[in-house]
């Protein structure tokens, strides 16, 4: 269960709730509560939501999808456009980079992450990791995986567009 990424699961089933989980939006608590309620949990914690998602039935996943639709309606009624907020957040980060003229630091950091990721992958494939070091190596690989995803998302875009496309296709069926 330690490898289960419940936020990715939510993103594939309930994209609006997943967007609200982004810490910068300040709606993570509301999103966790809504997800928990879909599973019949009151005042759910992230741990409880993760456990519920890990053993969810198809009926539970449908309830989560319904909760996402309800969440979208509630946000629209309040005049909150989650995608617009997330888009503005990305735009402000890009504007900051343009204004500061700091085009080298993201490139250097991105290069370090990619080279580090490849070096660790090569090492793991060409060496035997001692049993007592496996846990820390797996944790380090998880961190590098996440960092690589952020670097690739920064330079090539995120999967938000793909998630919207999948949602539209799902509604057409």
Foldseek 3Di string as FASTA:
>chain_A
DVPDDLLVVCCLLQVQLSLLCPVVNVRNQVSQQLLCVLLVHHSDDPVRSSVCVVPDDPSSSVSSNVSSVVVVVVCVVVVHDSVVVVVVVLVVVVVVCVVVVPPVVLVVQLVCLVVVLVVLVVPVVVDPDDPVCVVVSVVVNVVSVVVNLVSCCNVPNHCPVVSVVVVVVVVVD
